[in-house]
């Protein structure tokens, strides 16, 4: 029979504290199954930032 403090929660018998919003967000973003979506969003954001910057003038014909 397990010790009474380790039946559920931490070793002291208290329930484990829920993770915060930021930790849950980072866990979801870094999962392997979400990698393609995160990569697509990152490339889209980089493209928008490039086109909004002064570097986008490179694309104009001479």
PDB file of N, CA and C in Angstrom:
ATOM      1  N   UNK A   1       0.853  -1.172   0.000  1.00  0.00           N
ATOM      2  CA  UNK A   1       0.000   0.000   0.000  1.00  0.00           C
ATOM      3  C   UNK A   1       0.900   1.237   0.000  1.00  0.00           C
ATOM      4  N   UNK A   2       0.631   2.220  -0.889  1.00  0.00           N
ATOM      5  CA  UNK A   2       1.481   3.413  -0.942  1.00  0.00           C
ATOM      6  C   UNK A   2       1.257   4.286   0.290  1.00  0.00           C
ATOM      7  N   UNK A   3       2.262   5.092   0.616  1.00  0.00           N
ATOM      8  CA  UNK A   3       2.081   6.024   1.735  1.00  0.00           C
ATOM      9  C   UNK A   3       0.920   6.968   1.465  1.00  0.00           C
ATOM     10  N   UNK A   4       0.256   7.400   2.507  1.00  0.00           N
ATOM     11  CA  UNK A   4      -0.935   8.235   2.343  1.00  0.00           C
ATOM     12  C   UNK A   4      -0.633   9.564   1.666  1.00  0.00           C
ATOM     13  N   UNK A   5       0.565  10.104   1.827  1.00  0.00           N
ATOM     14  CA  UNK A   5       0.912  11.386   1.221  1.00  0.00           C
ATOM     15  C   UNK A   5       1.144  11.294  -0.266  1.00  0.00           C
ATOM     16  N   UNK A   6       1.349  10.093  -0.810  1.00  0.00           N
ATOM     17  CA  UNK A   6       1.657   9.962  -2.229  1.00  0.00           C
ATOM     18  C   UNK A   6       0.508   9.359  -3.030  1.00  0.00           C
ATOM     19  N   UNK A   7      -0.639   9.266  -2.457  1.00  0.00           N
ATOM     20  CA  UNK A   7      -1.783   8.739  -3.190  1.00  0.00           C
ATOM     21  C   UNK A   7      -2.167   9.685  -4.318  1.00  0.00           C
ATOM     22  N   UNK A   8      -2.172  10.966  -4.046  1.00  0.00           N
ATOM     23  CA  UNK A   8      -2.559  11.952  -5.042  1.00  0.00           C
ATOM     24  C   UNK A   8      -1.830  13.246  -4.725  1.00  0.00           C
ATOM     25  N   UNK A   9      -1.382  13.949  -5.737  1.00  0.00           N
ATOM     26  CA  UNK A   9      -0.741  15.244  -5.539  1.00  0.00           C
ATOM     27  C   UNK A   9       0.734  15.098  -5.226  1.00  0.00           C
ATOM     28  N   UNK A  10       1.244  15.972  -4.402  1.00  0.00           N
ATOM     29  CA  UNK A  10       2.661  15.976  -4.071  1.00  0.00           C
ATOM     30  C   UNK A  10       2.927  15.054  -2.893  1.00  0.00           C
ATOM     31  N   UNK A  11       4.177  14.964  -2.503  1.00  0.00           N
ATOM     32  CA  UNK A  11       4.564  14.065  -1.417  1.00  0.00           C
ATOM     33  C   UNK A  11       3.969  14.508  -0.082  1.00  0.00           C
ATOM     34  N   UNK A  12       3.601  15.747   0.055  1.00  0.00           N
ATOM     35  CA  UNK A  12       3.043  16.236   1.319  1.00  0.00           C
ATOM     36  C   UNK A  12       1.532  16.078   1.396  1.00  0.00           C
ATOM     37  N   UNK A  13       0.934  15.505   0.388  1.00  0.00           N
ATOM     38  CA  UNK A  13      -0.503  15.274   0.415  1.00  0.00           C
ATOM     39  C   UNK A  13      -1.327  16.405  -0.160  1.00  0.00           C
ATOM     40  N   UNK A  14      -0.685  17.485  -0.561  1.00  0.00           N
ATOM     41  CA  UNK A  14      -1.414  18.608  -1.167  1.00  0.00           C
ATOM     42  C   UNK A  14      -1.618  18.337  -2.643  1.00  0.00           C
ATOM     43  N   UNK A  15      -2.719  18.782  -3.205  1.00  0.00           N
ATOM     44  CA  UNK A  15      -2.901  18.602  -4.645  1.00  0.00           C
ATOM     45  C   UNK A  15      -1.883  19.445  -5.411  1.00  0.00           C
ATOM     46  N   UNK A  16      -1.455  18.950  -6.543  1.00  0.00           N
ATOM     47  CA  UNK A  16      -0.491  19.678  -7.361  1.00  0.00           C
ATOM     48  C   UNK A  16      -1.121  20.974  -7.854  1.00  0.00           C
ATOM     49  N   UNK A  17      -0.313  22.036  -7.862  1.00  0.00           N
ATOM     50  CA  UNK A  17      -0.819  23.331  -8.306  1.00  0.00           C
ATOM     51  C   UNK A  17      -0.982  23.316  -9.823  1.00  0.00           C
ATOM     52  N   UNK A  18      -2.037  23.938 -10.322  1.00  0.00           N
ATOM     53  CA  UNK A  18      -2.206  23.997 -11.777  1.00  0.00           C
ATOM     54  C   UNK A  18      -1.129  24.887 -12.390  1.00  0.00           C
ATOM     55  N   UNK A  19      -0.739  24.550 -13.608  1.00  0.00           N
ATOM     56  CA  UNK A  19       0.269  25.335 -14.302  1.00  0.00           C
ATOM     57  C   UNK A  19      -0.345  26.647 -14.762  1.00  0.00           C
ATOM     58  N   UNK A  20       0.509  27.636 -14.928  1.00  0.00           N
ATOM     59  CA  UNK A  20       0.048  28.948 -15.350  1.00  0.00           C
ATOM     60  C   UNK A  20      -0.252  28.998 -16.836  1.00  0.00           C
ATOM     61  N   UNK A  21      -0.807  30.114 -17.262  1.00  0.00           N
ATOM     62  CA  UNK A  21      -1.186  30.299 -18.662  1.00  0.00           C
ATOM     63  C   UNK A  21       0.040  30.261 -19.568  1.00  0.00           C
ATOM     64  N   UNK A  22       1.100  30.944 -19.162  1.00  0.00           N
ATOM     65  CA  UNK A  22       2.294  31.003 -19.998  1.00  0.00           C
ATOM     66  C   UNK A  22       2.918  29.623 -20.157  1.00  0.00           C
ATOM     67  N   UNK A  23       2.977  28.842 -19.102  1.00  0.00           N
ATOM     68  CA  UNK A  23       3.558  27.500 -19.175  1.00  0.00           C
ATOM     69  C   UNK A  23       2.725  26.595 -20.085  1.00  0.00           C
ATOM     70  N   UNK A  24       1.405  26.670 -19.969  1.00  0.00           N
ATOM     71  CA  UNK A  24       0.541  25.875 -20.843  1.00  0.00           C
ATOM     72  C   UNK A  24       0.712  26.284 -22.302  1.00  0.00           C
ATOM     73  N   UNK A  25       0.824  27.584 -22.551  1.00  0.00           N
ATOM     74  CA  UNK A  25       1.013  28.082 -23.915  1.00  0.00           C
ATOM     75  C   UNK A  25       2.320  27.566 -24.502  1.00  0.00           C
ATOM     76  N   UNK A  26       3.402  27.650 -23.726  1.00  0.00           N
ATOM     77  CA  UNK A  26       4.692  27.186 -24.224  1.00  0.00           C
ATOM     78  C   UNK A  26       4.696  25.673 -24.455  1.00  0.00           C
ATOM     79  N   UNK A  27       4.033  24.933 -23.596  1.00  0.00           N
ATOM     80  CA  UNK A  27       3.957  23.484 -23.790  1.00  0.00           C
ATOM     81  C   UNK A  27       3.213  23.141 -25.079  1.00  0.00           C
ATOM     82  N   UNK A  28       2.140  23.851 -25.367  1.00  0.00           N
ATOM     83  CA  UNK A  28       1.375  23.581 -26.585  1.00  0.00           C
ATOM     84  C   UNK A  28       2.146  23.997 -27.834  1.00  0.00           C
ATOM     85  N   UNK A  29       2.853  25.115 -27.759  1.00  0.00           N
ATOM     86  CA  UNK A  29       3.586  25.611 -28.924  1.00  0.00           C
ATOM     87  C   UNK A  29       4.759  24.690 -29.263  1.00  0.00           C
ATOM     88  N   UNK A  30       5.399  24.129 -28.257  1.00  0.00           N
ATOM     89  CA  UNK A  30       6.593  23.330 -28.505  1.00  0.00           C
ATOM     90  C   UNK A  30       6.300  21.857 -28.775  1.00  0.00           C
ATOM     91  N   UNK A  31       5.050  21.458 -28.826  1.00  0.00           N
ATOM     92  CA  UNK A  31       4.723  20.072 -29.145  1.00  0.00           C
ATOM     93  C   UNK A  31       5.039  19.776 -30.611  1.00  0.00           C
ATOM     94  N   UNK A  32       5.445  18.540 -30.874  1.00  0.00           N
ATOM     95  CA  UNK A  32       5.811  18.127 -32.233  1.00  0.00           C
ATOM     96  C   UNK A  32       4.630  18.248 -33.194  1.00  0.00           C
ATOM     97  N   UNK A  33       3.426  17.957 -32.731  1.00  0.00           N
ATOM     98  CA  UNK A  33       2.265  17.981 -33.629  1.00  0.00           C
ATOM     99  C   UNK A  33       1.867  19.390 -34.045  1.00  0.00           C
ATOM    100  N   UNK A  34       2.342  20.416 -33.348  1.00  0.00           N
ATOM    101  CA  UNK A  34       2.019  21.807 -33.686  1.00  0.00           C
ATOM    102  C   UNK A  34       3.153  22.511 -34.428  1.00  0.00           C
ATOM    103  N   UNK A  35       4.220  21.789 -34.741  1.00  0.00           N
ATOM    104  CA  UNK A  35       5.406  22.420 -35.323  1.00  0.00           C
ATOM    105  C   UNK A  35       5.116  23.067 -36.670  1.00  0.00           C
ATOM    106  N   UNK A  36       4.318  22.444 -37.529  1.00  0.00           N
ATOM    107  CA  UNK A  36       4.058  23.010 -38.857  1.00  0.00           C
ATOM    108  C   UNK A  36       3.245  24.300 -38.761  1.00  0.00           C
ATOM    109  N   UNK A  37       2.309  24.345 -37.850  1.00  0.00           N
ATOM    110  CA  UNK A  37       1.496  25.558 -37.686  1.00  0.00           C
ATOM    111  C   UNK A  37       2.353  26.694 -37.139  1.00  0.00           C
ATOM    112  N   UNK A  38       3.182  26.398 -36.154  1.00  0.00           N
ATOM    113  CA  UNK A  38       4.043  27.428 -35.564  1.00  0.00           C
ATOM    114  C   UNK A  38       5.036  27.945 -36.597  1.00  0.00           C
ATOM    115  N   UNK A  39       5.585  27.052 -37.412  1.00  0.00           N
ATOM    116  CA  UNK A  39       6.524  27.473 -38.458  1.00  0.00           C
ATOM    117  C   UNK A  39       5.829  28.354 -39.488  1.00  0.00           C
ATOM    118  N   UNK A  40       4.623  27.996 -39.880  1.00  0.00           N
ATOM    119  CA  UNK A  40       3.875  28.797 -40.859  1.00  0.00           C
ATOM    120  C   UNK A  40       3.569  30.194 -40.323  1.00  0.00           C
ATOM    121  N   UNK A  41       3.154  30.269 -39.083  1.00  0.00           N
ATOM    122  CA  UNK A  41       2.846  31.571 -38.473  1.00  0.00           C
ATOM    123  C   UNK A  41       4.110  32.412 -38.360  1.00  0.00           C
ATOM    124  N   UNK A  42       5.230  31.788 -38.018  1.00  0.00           N
ATOM    125  CA  UNK A  42       6.492  32.531 -37.896  1.00  0.00           C
ATOM    126  C   UNK A  42       6.943  33.086 -39.252  1.00  0.00           C
ATOM    127  N   UNK A  43       6.850  32.273 -40.315  1.00  0.00           N
ATOM    128  CA  UNK A  43       7.232  32.761 -41.635  1.00  0.00           C
ATOM    129  C   UNK A  43       6.286  33.861 -42.126  1.00  0.00           C
ATOM    130  N   UNK A  44       5.010  33.732 -41.846  1.00  0.00           N
ATOM    131  CA  UNK A  44       4.057  34.763 -42.232  1.00  0.00           C
ATOM    132  C   UNK A  44       4.370  36.076 -41.504  1.00  0.00           C
ATOM    133  N   UNK A  45       4.641  35.998 -40.208  1.00  0.00           N
ATOM    134  CA  UNK A  45       4.963  37.199 -39.432  1.00  0.00           C
ATOM    135  C   UNK A  45       6.255  37.838 -39.935  1.00  0.00           C
ATOM    136  N   UNK A  46       7.248  37.023 -40.277  1.00  0.00           N
ATOM    137  CA  UNK A  46       8.502  37.564 -40.805  1.00  0.00           C
ATOM    138  C   UNK A  46       8.271  38.245 -42.155  1.00  0.00           C
ATOM    139  N   UNK A  47       7.428  37.656 -43.001  1.00  0.00           N
ATOM    140  CA  UNK A  47       7.119  38.268 -44.292  1.00  0.00           C
ATOM    141  C   UNK A  47       6.393  39.592 -44.145  1.00  0.00           C
ATOM    142  N   UNK A  48       5.441  39.654 -43.252  1.00  0.00           N
ATOM    143  CA  UNK A  48       4.713  40.904 -43.019  1.00  0.00           C
ATOM    144  C   UNK A  48       5.654  41.970 -42.465  1.00  0.00           C
ATOM    145  N   UNK A  49       6.531  41.573 -41.546  1.00  0.00           N
ATOM    146  CA  UNK A  49       7.484  42.534 -40.987  1.00  0.00           C
ATOM    147  C   UNK A  49       8.435  43.046 -42.072  1.00  0.00           C
ATOM    148  N   UNK A  50       8.871  42.151 -42.965  1.00  0.00           N
ATOM    149  CA  UNK A  50       9.760  42.566 -44.055  1.00  0.00           C
ATOM    150  C   UNK A  50       9.059  43.539 -44.998  1.00  0.00           C
ATOM    151  N   UNK A  51       7.837  43.211 -45.393  1.00  0.00           N
ATOM    152  CA  UNK A  51       7.123  44.078 -46.321  1.00  0.00           C
ATOM    153  C   UNK A  51       6.736  45.415 -45.689  1.00  0.00           C
ATOM    154  N   UNK A  52       6.625  45.464 -44.398  1.00  0.00           N
ATOM    155  CA  UNK A  52       6.279  46.708 -43.717  1.00  0.00           C
ATOM    156  C   UNK A  52       7.507  47.584 -43.481  1.00  0.00           C
ATOM    157  N   UNK A  53       8.688  47.011 -43.563  1.00  0.00           N
ATOM    158  CA  UNK A  53       9.911  47.756 -43.276  1.00  0.00           C
ATOM    159  C   UNK A  53      10.420  48.472 -44.522  1.00  0.00           C
ATOM    160  N   UNK A  54      11.463  49.252 -44.342  1.00  0.00           N
ATOM    161  CA  UNK A  54      12.058  49.956 -45.474  1.00  0.00           C
ATOM    162  C   UNK A  54      12.817  49.003 -46.393  1.00  0.00           C
ATOM    163  N   UNK A  55      13.124  47.809 -45.937  1.00  0.00           N
ATOM    164  CA  UNK A  55      13.810  46.822 -46.768  1.00  0.00           C
ATOM    165  C   UNK A  55      12.933  46.344 -47.932  1.00  0.00           C
ATOM    166  N   UNK A  56      11.652  46.571 -47.870  1.00  0.00           N
ATOM    167  CA  UNK A  56      10.773  46.121 -48.954  1.00  0.00           C
ATOM    168  C   UNK A  56      11.009  46.912 -50.241  1.00  0.00           C
ATOM    169  N   UNK A  57      11.716  48.030 -50.160  1.00  0.00           N
ATOM    170  CA  UNK A  57      12.022  48.808 -51.356  1.00  0.00           C
ATOM    171  C   UNK A  57      12.951  48.046 -52.297  1.00  0.00           C
ATOM    172  N   UNK A  58      13.618  47.023 -51.781  1.00  0.00           N
ATOM    173  CA  UNK A  58      14.487  46.198 -52.614  1.00  0.00           C
ATOM    174  C   UNK A  58      13.671  45.524 -53.716  1.00  0.00           C
ATOM    175  N   UNK A  59      12.417  45.243 -53.442  1.00  0.00           N
ATOM    176  CA  UNK A  59      11.564  44.527 -54.388  1.00  0.00           C
ATOM    177  C   UNK A  59      11.069  45.409 -55.537  1.00  0.00           C
ATOM    178  N   UNK A  60      11.173  46.715 -55.386  1.00  0.00           N
ATOM    179  CA  UNK A  60      10.700  47.623 -56.437  1.00  0.00           C
ATOM    180  C   UNK A  60      11.648  47.586 -57.636  1.00  0.00           C
ATOM    181  N   UNK A  61      11.114  47.683 -58.851  1.00  0.00           N
ATOM    182  CA  UNK A  61      12.006  47.694 -60.031  1.00  0.00           C
ATOM    183  C   UNK A  61      12.815  48.988 -60.065  1.00  0.00           C
ATOM    184  N   UNK A  62      13.985  48.919 -60.672  1.00  0.00           N
ATOM    185  CA  UNK A  62      14.849  50.129 -60.704  1.00  0.00           C
ATOM    186  C   UNK A  62      14.308  51.261 -61.539  1.00  0.00           C
TER     187      UNK A  62
END
